[in-house]
Amino acid sequence: MKSKLKYLLLFLILNNLTAASQENPAADVYLLTCGPGTETYSVYGHSALRIVIPEKESDLVYNWGVFDFNTPNFAWKFAKGRLSYSLGVSTYDNFLHDYYLEKRWVISQKLNLESDEIEKLFQLIAENLKPENINYRYDFFYDDCSTRIRDLIEKSVGDNLLWPPGEETRNMPTFRQLTGKYEEVFPWTKAGIDLLMGSPGDKKASFRDRMFLPVEMKDGLSELQIRRQGKTIPLLANPVLVLDFDQPAFRKNLFTTPFFVFCILLIIMIMLTGFFRGKKSSSIIDITVFSIFSILAILMIFFNFFTDHQQMKWNLNIIWLNPFIILCLLSLVLKKDSLVWFRIVFFLAAGFLVSLVVLPQSINNAFVPLIGILILRSSARANFFWNPLTIPYLTQL
């Protein structure tokens, strides 16, 4: 029933928008930029388009960032990169009310569009509202709530939209650096995203590419000009603060950061390795350690080879979180002292650690102590003649 009502409402809005494009009534278009939230999915902010048609007493917001937590198999579809996002439509008052409740600032900027450009924009939005187009496959870097708006503006204005001159590639930030600015207040979230984001995240983001982030798009579009009868005018009018909330204050605590916590774990593991040398105690330690690392290795395998998230492919963290870790765990559980698997894990982890400075992928510093733990326990099981931490009973094999 809810689905039928939804499509009925969209049908009415589509008809209204199509009629508006044909009748060509006076209308104003605004870019709405919303501040970052405290949830993982909202930490980067949000963008939407507001269209006001005074003659029809219409004031609607078009939002390309709608998804439904109640979608069947939501988590699995999200992990596979097959979760559909939708174009949602709401009244301006309802839109602001939601952000007021979340205590997130909202900035409005009028687009300096002429009537023919607004008509073209209406046609494009009407096309987006069709049932076959209203859902789309979300892509964080290249097809999200912000890039959809950027693309509509480009198509509506056409060649009259003037972009700034190109910049040198070496001065461009990477996608990882751009997202990292918003993740800094959530160090554990940042560590998790850095772990799962592959080499595509270290690609340089051009001026246009950076507009996948709402605030970056607001700043970028504010620099654009429109050609008007031999003159140029700004694409966007001056920003107006509609809702004013301060950014949530997050006090950084060194002692709860991933790097500090993992360093403490490394120190504890060094002590355990030195004090507990027996076969049984070593097995308990290693089954625990390699179980945790096996879970991470499975995540690496999944996101490298079995997801449609392009940003998570070609992830070099799979070098140290490799499938051989799972074989090490199996050998421990089955009580088979397969030294070769531990040696492979050791050399891969150690090689990865010494190659960090030359890798084409940025690695979060918090992972260094984790790599240290893997090197420590794999070397203890590898039975290297030079290693004083080798578990004693292995030297008798």
Protein backbone atom coordinates (compact mmCIF):
# COMPACT_ATOMS: atom_id res chain seq x y z
CA MET A 1 0.00 0.00 0.00
CA LYS A 2 2.82 2.41 0.92
CA SER A 3 4.53 1.63 -2.38
CA LYS A 4 1.37 2.45 -4.34
CA LEU A 5 0.94 5.74 -2.48
CA LYS A 6 4.57 6.58 -3.12
CA TYR A 7 4.25 6.07 -6.87
CA LEU A 8 0.94 7.93 -6.97
CA LEU A 9 2.58 10.92 -5.27
CA LEU A 10 5.53 10.76 -7.65
CA PHE A 11 3.15 10.52 -10.61
CA LEU A 12 1.39 13.69 -9.48
CA ILE A 13 4.71 15.50 -8.96
CA LEU A 14 5.95 14.29 -12.36
CA ASN A 15 2.80 15.58 -14.05
CA ASN A 16 3.08 18.88 -12.23
CA LEU A 17 6.74 19.26 -13.21
CA THR A 18 6.08 18.31 -16.82
CA ALA A 19 3.24 20.81 -17.01
CA ALA A 20 5.45 23.47 -15.44
CA SER A 21 8.13 22.92 -18.09
CA GLN A 22 5.51 23.38 -20.82
CA GLU A 23 3.77 26.38 -19.26
CA ASN A 24 7.10 27.98 -18.37
CA PRO A 25 5.97 29.72 -15.14
CA ALA A 26 8.36 31.87 -13.15
CA ALA A 27 10.45 29.65 -10.87
CA ASP A 28 13.47 29.93 -8.62
CA VAL A 29 16.00 27.15 -8.13
CA TYR A 30 18.22 26.84 -5.06
CA LEU A 31 21.13 24.58 -4.15
CA LEU A 32 20.77 23.33 -0.58
CA THR A 33 23.90 22.17 1.20
CA CYS A 34 23.55 20.40 4.53
CA GLY A 35 26.25 20.04 7.15
CA PRO A 36 27.78 16.72 8.24
CA GLY A 37 25.86 14.55 10.69
CA THR A 38 26.98 12.17 13.39
CA GLU A 39 25.99 8.93 11.64
CA THR A 40 28.44 7.16 9.34
CA TYR A 41 26.19 7.65 6.29
CA SER A 42 25.75 11.38 7.01
CA VAL A 43 29.28 12.37 8.00
CA TYR A 44 30.00 13.83 4.54
CA GLY A 45 26.96 16.14 4.46
CA HIS A 46 24.21 16.26 1.87
CA SER A 47 22.99 18.19 -1.19
CA ALA A 48 19.54 18.79 -2.65
CA LEU A 49 17.73 21.06 -5.09
CA ARG A 50 14.88 23.32 -4.04
CA ILE A 51 12.44 24.53 -6.70
CA VAL A 52 9.96 27.27 -5.89
CA ILE A 53 7.06 28.05 -8.28
CA PRO A 54 5.12 30.92 -6.63
CA GLU A 55 2.32 30.83 -9.23
CA LYS A 56 1.50 27.25 -8.25
CA GLU A 57 2.32 27.74 -4.56
CA SER A 58 4.82 24.93 -4.98
CA ASP A 59 7.98 24.69 -2.85
CA LEU A 60 9.58 21.27 -3.22
CA VAL A 61 12.99 19.75 -2.52
CA TYR A 62 14.48 17.09 -4.81
CA ASN A 63 16.89 14.79 -3.03
CA TRP A 64 18.95 12.05 -4.71
CA GLY A 65 20.20 10.54 -1.44
CA VAL A 66 17.21 8.44 -0.35
CA PHE A 67 17.65 4.82 0.71
CA ASP A 68 15.58 2.48 2.85
CA PHE A 69 17.03 0.60 5.84
CA ASN A 70 14.06 -1.78 5.54
CA THR A 71 15.16 -2.94 2.10
CA PRO A 72 15.29 -6.77 2.08
CA ASN A 73 18.88 -7.96 2.65
CA PHE A 74 19.96 -4.35 3.19
CA ALA A 75 23.39 -5.15 4.69
CA TRP A 76 24.21 -7.73 2.01
CA LYS A 77 23.17 -5.44 -0.86
CA PHE A 78 25.17 -2.58 0.65
CA ALA A 79 28.26 -4.78 1.02
CA LYS A 80 27.88 -6.06 -2.54
CA GLY A 81 27.48 -2.52 -3.86
CA ARG A 82 24.01 -3.27 -5.19
CA LEU A 83 21.91 -1.06 -2.92
CA SER A 84 19.64 1.25 -4.89
CA TYR A 85 19.37 4.92 -4.01
CA SER A 86 16.39 6.97 -5.09
CA LEU A 87 15.24 10.45 -5.97
CA GLY A 88 12.98 11.61 -3.16
CA VAL A 89 10.68 14.64 -3.12
CA SER A 90 9.47 16.50 -0.05
CA THR A 91 8.17 19.92 0.88
CA TYR A 92 10.78 22.47 1.82
CA ASP A 93 9.38 22.76 5.34
CA ASN A 94 9.56 19.01 5.93
CA PHE A 95 13.09 18.90 4.56
CA LEU A 96 14.24 21.64 6.94
CA HIS A 97 12.40 20.03 9.84
CA ASP A 98 14.43 16.82 9.43
CA TYR A 99 17.70 18.73 9.55
CA TYR A 100 16.51 20.83 12.45
CA LEU A 101 15.91 17.66 14.45
CA GLU A 102 19.39 16.42 13.53
CA LYS A 103 20.86 19.82 14.45
CA ARG A 104 22.68 20.17 11.12
CA TRP A 105 23.23 23.48 9.38
CA VAL A 106 21.68 24.17 5.98
CA ILE A 107 22.91 26.75 3.45
CA SER A 108 20.82 27.91 0.49
CA GLN A 109 22.17 29.45 -2.72
CA LYS A 110 20.02 30.61 -5.61
CA LEU A 111 21.07 29.46 -9.08
CA ASN A 112 21.23 32.34 -11.55
CA LEU A 113 19.41 30.48 -14.32
CA GLU A 114 17.35 31.92 -17.17
CA SER A 115 13.89 30.64 -18.05
CA ASP A 116 15.06 28.32 -20.85
CA GLU A 117 17.67 26.79 -18.54
CA ILE A 118 15.08 26.27 -15.81
CA GLU A 119 12.78 24.66 -18.38
CA LYS A 120 15.59 22.29 -19.38
CA LEU A 121 16.19 21.50 -15.70
CA PHE A 122 12.48 20.70 -15.22
CA GLN A 123 12.63 18.29 -18.16
CA LEU A 124 15.69 16.54 -16.76
CA ILE A 125 14.18 16.16 -13.28
CA ALA A 126 10.93 14.90 -14.81
CA GLU A 127 12.96 12.27 -16.64
CA ASN A 128 14.62 11.30 -13.33
CA LEU A 129 11.21 10.93 -11.72
CA LYS A 130 10.02 8.29 -14.16
CA PRO A 131 9.63 4.88 -12.45
CA GLU A 132 12.36 3.35 -14.61
CA ASN A 133 14.82 6.11 -13.64
CA ILE A 134 13.93 7.04 -10.07
CA ASN A 135 16.26 4.40 -8.60
CA TYR A 136 19.95 4.31 -9.42
CA ARG A 137 23.04 2.34 -8.47
CA TYR A 138 24.95 4.52 -6.01
CA ASP A 139 28.66 5.18 -6.56
CA PHE A 140 30.31 7.14 -3.75
CA PHE A 141 32.86 8.94 -5.92
CA TYR A 142 31.09 9.31 -9.25
CA ASP A 143 27.32 9.02 -8.86
CA ASP A 144 25.79 10.26 -5.60
CA CYS A 145 23.43 12.93 -4.27
CA SER A 146 25.87 15.70 -5.20
CA THR A 147 27.17 14.56 -8.58
CA ARG A 148 23.59 14.06 -9.79
CA ILE A 149 22.87 17.75 -9.10
CA ARG A 150 26.16 18.86 -10.66
CA ASP A 151 25.34 16.88 -13.81
CA LEU A 152 21.83 18.36 -14.06
CA ILE A 153 23.20 21.89 -13.76
CA GLU A 154 25.82 21.18 -16.44
CA LYS A 155 23.21 19.84 -18.86
CA SER A 156 20.79 22.69 -18.15
CA VAL A 157 23.30 25.51 -18.67
CA GLY A 158 25.31 23.82 -21.42
CA ASP A 159 28.26 25.60 -22.99
CA ASN A 160 27.49 28.84 -21.15
CA LEU A 161 28.85 27.31 -17.94
CA LEU A 162 32.47 28.45 -17.50
CA TRP A 163 34.86 26.32 -15.48
CA PRO A 164 38.12 27.58 -13.96
CA PRO A 165 41.38 26.68 -15.73
CA GLY A 166 42.81 23.24 -15.02
CA GLU A 167 45.23 22.67 -12.17
CA GLU A 168 48.39 20.61 -11.99
CA THR A 169 47.80 17.00 -11.07
CA ARG A 170 50.42 17.10 -8.31
CA ASN A 171 48.41 19.80 -6.51
CA MET A 172 45.18 17.80 -6.56
CA PRO A 173 44.06 16.00 -3.41
CA THR A 174 43.21 12.31 -3.56
CA PHE A 175 39.72 10.97 -2.93
CA ARG A 176 41.00 9.41 0.31
CA GLN A 177 42.37 12.75 1.52
CA LEU A 178 39.07 14.48 0.73
CA THR A 179 36.94 11.97 2.63
CA GLY A 180 39.51 11.80 5.41
CA LYS A 181 38.82 15.43 6.36
CA TYR A 182 35.29 14.47 7.36
CA GLU A 183 36.32 11.23 9.07
CA GLU A 184 38.95 12.76 11.35
CA VAL A 185 36.41 13.24 14.16
CA PHE A 186 35.61 9.51 13.99
CA PRO A 187 39.06 7.85 14.11
CA TRP A 188 37.68 4.31 14.32
CA THR A 189 35.38 4.92 11.36
CA LYS A 190 38.30 6.40 9.43
CA ALA A 191 40.46 3.37 10.23
CA GLY A 192 37.72 1.03 9.02
CA ILE A 193 37.17 2.99 5.80
CA ASP A 194 40.92 3.21 5.16
CA LEU A 195 41.17 -0.54 5.61
CA LEU A 196 38.40 -1.29 3.09
CA MET A 197 39.10 1.47 0.56
CA GLY A 198 41.43 0.27 -2.15
CA SER A 199 43.84 1.97 -4.53
CA PRO A 200 41.07 3.86 -6.41
CA GLY A 201 40.77 6.01 -3.28
CA ASP A 202 44.29 7.30 -3.91
CA LYS A 203 43.48 8.59 -7.37
CA LYS A 204 43.81 12.35 -7.77
CA ALA A 205 40.45 14.16 -7.71
CA SER A 206 40.06 16.99 -10.22
CA PHE A 207 38.12 20.18 -9.48
CA ARG A 208 35.00 18.60 -10.97
CA ASP A 209 35.57 15.21 -9.32
CA ARG A 210 35.74 16.80 -5.87
CA MET A 211 32.06 17.71 -6.16
CA PHE A 212 31.03 14.23 -5.01
CA LEU A 213 31.21 15.80 -1.54
CA PRO A 214 28.40 18.29 -0.83
CA VAL A 215 30.51 21.02 0.80
CA GLU A 216 33.16 20.68 -1.92
CA MET A 217 30.42 21.03 -4.54
CA LYS A 218 29.02 24.12 -2.83
CA ASP A 219 32.48 25.70 -2.83
CA GLY A 220 33.24 24.54 -6.37
CA LEU A 221 29.99 25.68 -7.96
CA SER A 222 30.41 29.03 -6.20
CA GLU A 223 33.52 29.56 -8.33
CA LEU A 224 31.76 28.90 -11.64
CA GLN A 225 30.56 31.62 -13.96
CA ILE A 226 27.79 31.75 -16.58
CA ARG A 227 28.20 33.52 -19.90
CA ARG A 228 25.44 36.11 -20.38
CA GLN A 229 25.40 38.36 -23.48
CA GLY A 230 29.14 38.91 -23.55
CA LYS A 231 29.42 39.18 -19.79
CA THR A 232 29.85 36.65 -17.01
CA ILE A 233 27.89 36.29 -13.79
CA PRO A 234 28.31 33.83 -10.89
CA LEU A 235 26.40 30.56 -11.21
CA LEU A 236 25.37 30.78 -7.55
CA ALA A 237 24.18 33.76 -5.55
CA ASN A 238 25.68 34.49 -2.15
CA PRO A 239 25.00 31.79 0.44
CA VAL A 240 22.17 32.24 2.92
CA LEU A 241 22.34 30.38 6.22
CA VAL A 242 18.89 28.82 6.66
CA LEU A 243 19.60 26.65 9.69
CA ASP A 244 22.44 27.59 11.97
CA PHE A 245 23.97 24.87 14.12
CA ASP A 246 27.55 24.48 15.21
CA GLN A 247 29.40 21.40 14.11
CA PRO A 248 29.21 18.72 16.84
CA ALA A 249 32.18 19.08 19.14
CA PHE A 250 34.36 15.99 19.28
CA ARG A 251 37.24 16.00 21.71
CA LYS A 252 40.12 13.89 20.48
CA ASN A 253 41.43 11.47 23.05
CA LEU A 254 44.82 9.97 22.22
CA PHE A 255 44.19 7.00 24.50
CA THR A 256 41.13 5.82 22.56
CA THR A 257 42.53 6.21 19.03
CA PRO A 258 43.08 3.03 16.98
CA PHE A 259 46.83 3.66 16.77
CA PHE A 260 47.24 3.90 20.55
CA VAL A 261 44.98 0.92 21.28
CA PHE A 262 46.74 -1.26 18.71
CA CYS A 263 50.14 -0.19 20.06
CA ILE A 264 49.05 -1.34 23.52
CA LEU A 265 47.91 -4.64 22.01
CA LEU A 266 51.30 -5.03 20.31
CA ILE A 267 53.10 -4.45 23.62
CA ILE A 268 50.83 -6.96 25.36
CA MET A 269 51.46 -9.49 22.59
CA ILE A 270 55.23 -9.05 22.92
CA MET A 271 54.94 -9.73 26.65
CA LEU A 272 52.71 -12.78 26.10
CA THR A 273 55.14 -14.11 23.51
CA GLY A 274 58.01 -13.75 25.95
CA PHE A 275 56.29 -15.18 29.04
CA PHE A 276 54.01 -17.91 27.67
CA ARG A 277 56.21 -20.33 25.76
CA GLY A 278 54.34 -23.59 26.26
CA LYS A 279 52.60 -25.49 23.50
CA LYS A 280 49.08 -25.16 24.95
CA SER A 281 49.30 -21.50 25.93
CA SER A 282 50.89 -20.60 22.58
CA SER A 283 48.07 -22.41 20.76
CA ILE A 284 45.42 -20.47 22.68
CA ILE A 285 47.15 -17.17 21.88
CA ASP A 286 47.62 -17.97 18.20
CA ILE A 287 44.16 -19.39 17.59
CA THR A 288 42.76 -16.15 19.02
CA VAL A 289 45.11 -13.93 17.01
CA PHE A 290 44.77 -15.78 13.71
CA SER A 291 40.99 -16.04 14.08
CA ILE A 292 40.77 -12.23 14.20
CA PHE A 293 43.16 -11.80 11.30
CA SER A 294 41.31 -14.48 9.31
CA ILE A 295 38.09 -12.46 9.58
CA LEU A 296 39.95 -9.42 8.22
CA ALA A 297 41.47 -11.56 5.45
CA ILE A 298 38.00 -12.79 4.44
CA LEU A 299 36.85 -9.15 4.26
CA MET A 300 39.80 -8.35 2.00
CA ILE A 301 38.96 -11.26 -0.30
CA PHE A 302 35.29 -10.30 -0.43
CA PHE A 303 35.77 -6.59 -1.13
CA ASN A 304 38.57 -7.19 -3.64
CA PHE A 305 36.81 -9.82 -5.72
CA PHE A 306 33.10 -10.12 -4.86
CA THR A 307 31.72 -6.59 -4.53
CA ASP A 308 30.62 -4.02 -7.09
CA HIS A 309 32.09 -1.19 -4.98
CA GLN A 310 34.84 -0.02 -7.33
CA GLN A 311 36.41 2.05 -4.54
CA MET A 312 37.17 -1.13 -2.58
CA LYS A 313 38.87 -3.10 -5.33
CA TRP A 314 42.63 -3.33 -5.87
CA ASN A 315 43.12 -3.04 -2.12
CA LEU A 316 46.79 -3.61 -1.30
CA ASN A 317 45.95 -4.41 2.32
CA ILE A 318 45.28 -7.90 0.99
CA ILE A 319 49.07 -8.36 0.90
CA TRP A 320 49.32 -8.50 4.69
CA LEU A 321 45.72 -9.65 5.27
CA ASN A 322 46.14 -12.52 2.84
CA PRO A 323 44.38 -15.90 2.42
CA PHE A 324 47.40 -17.74 3.85
CA ILE A 325 46.36 -16.45 7.29
CA ILE A 326 43.27 -18.63 7.04
CA LEU A 327 45.49 -21.65 6.26
CA CYS A 328 47.55 -20.80 9.36
CA LEU A 329 44.38 -20.84 11.46
CA LEU A 330 43.33 -24.19 10.01
CA SER A 331 46.73 -25.68 10.80
CA LEU A 332 46.39 -24.48 14.40
CA VAL A 333 42.87 -25.82 14.81
CA LEU A 334 43.82 -29.17 13.24
CA LYS A 335 47.05 -29.23 15.29
CA LYS A 336 49.19 -29.43 12.17
CA ASP A 337 52.46 -27.53 12.46
CA SER A 338 52.55 -26.30 8.85
CA LEU A 339 55.54 -24.01 9.09
CA VAL A 340 55.37 -23.01 5.42
CA TRP A 341 52.10 -21.07 5.81
CA PHE A 342 53.44 -19.10 8.76
CA ARG A 343 56.62 -18.31 6.85
CA ILE A 344 54.64 -17.04 3.87
CA VAL A 345 52.52 -14.85 6.18
CA PHE A 346 55.67 -13.55 7.86
CA PHE A 347 57.42 -12.59 4.63
CA LEU A 348 54.29 -10.99 3.14
CA ALA A 349 53.62 -8.92 6.29
CA ALA A 350 57.27 -7.92 6.73
CA GLY A 351 57.62 -7.08 3.03
CA PHE A 352 54.46 -4.99 3.15
CA LEU A 353 55.72 -3.09 6.19
CA VAL A 354 59.07 -2.15 4.65
CA SER A 355 57.35 -1.18 1.37
CA LEU A 356 54.84 1.26 2.87
CA VAL A 357 56.68 4.34 1.64
CA VAL A 358 56.61 3.22 -2.00
CA LEU A 359 53.16 1.66 -2.21
CA PRO A 360 50.68 3.42 -4.53
CA GLN A 361 48.07 3.19 -1.76
CA SER A 362 48.00 5.24 1.43
CA ILE A 363 47.95 3.05 4.54
CA ASN A 364 46.51 4.21 7.86
CA ASN A 365 49.22 4.39 10.54
CA ALA A 366 46.94 2.50 12.93
CA PHE A 367 47.59 -0.69 10.95
CA VAL A 368 51.35 -0.68 11.61
CA PRO A 369 51.10 -2.21 15.12
CA LEU A 370 48.61 -4.77 13.77
CA ILE A 371 51.13 -5.75 11.10
CA GLY A 372 53.68 -5.94 13.91
CA ILE A 373 51.50 -8.44 15.80
CA LEU A 374 51.11 -10.57 12.68
CA ILE A 375 54.87 -10.52 12.07
CA LEU A 376 55.55 -11.40 15.71
CA ARG A 377 53.24 -14.40 15.95
CA SER A 378 53.89 -15.75 12.46
CA SER A 379 57.66 -15.62 13.05
CA ALA A 380 57.23 -17.41 16.39
CA ARG A 381 55.47 -20.22 14.49
CA ALA A 382 57.78 -20.21 11.45
CA ASN A 383 60.68 -21.88 13.31
CA PHE A 384 63.35 -19.54 11.97
CA PHE A 385 66.75 -20.51 13.38
CA TRP A 386 67.61 -16.88 14.03
CA ASN A 387 64.47 -16.02 15.99
CA PRO A 388 64.82 -16.20 19.80
CA LEU A 389 61.02 -15.98 20.14
CA THR A 390 60.40 -19.23 18.28
CA ILE A 391 58.06 -21.44 20.33
CA PRO A 392 60.41 -24.02 21.98
CA TYR A 393 58.60 -27.23 21.00
CA LEU A 394 58.83 -26.30 17.30
CA THR A 395 62.66 -26.47 17.41
CA GLN A 396 62.36 -30.18 18.15
CA LEU A 397 60.40 -30.96 14.98
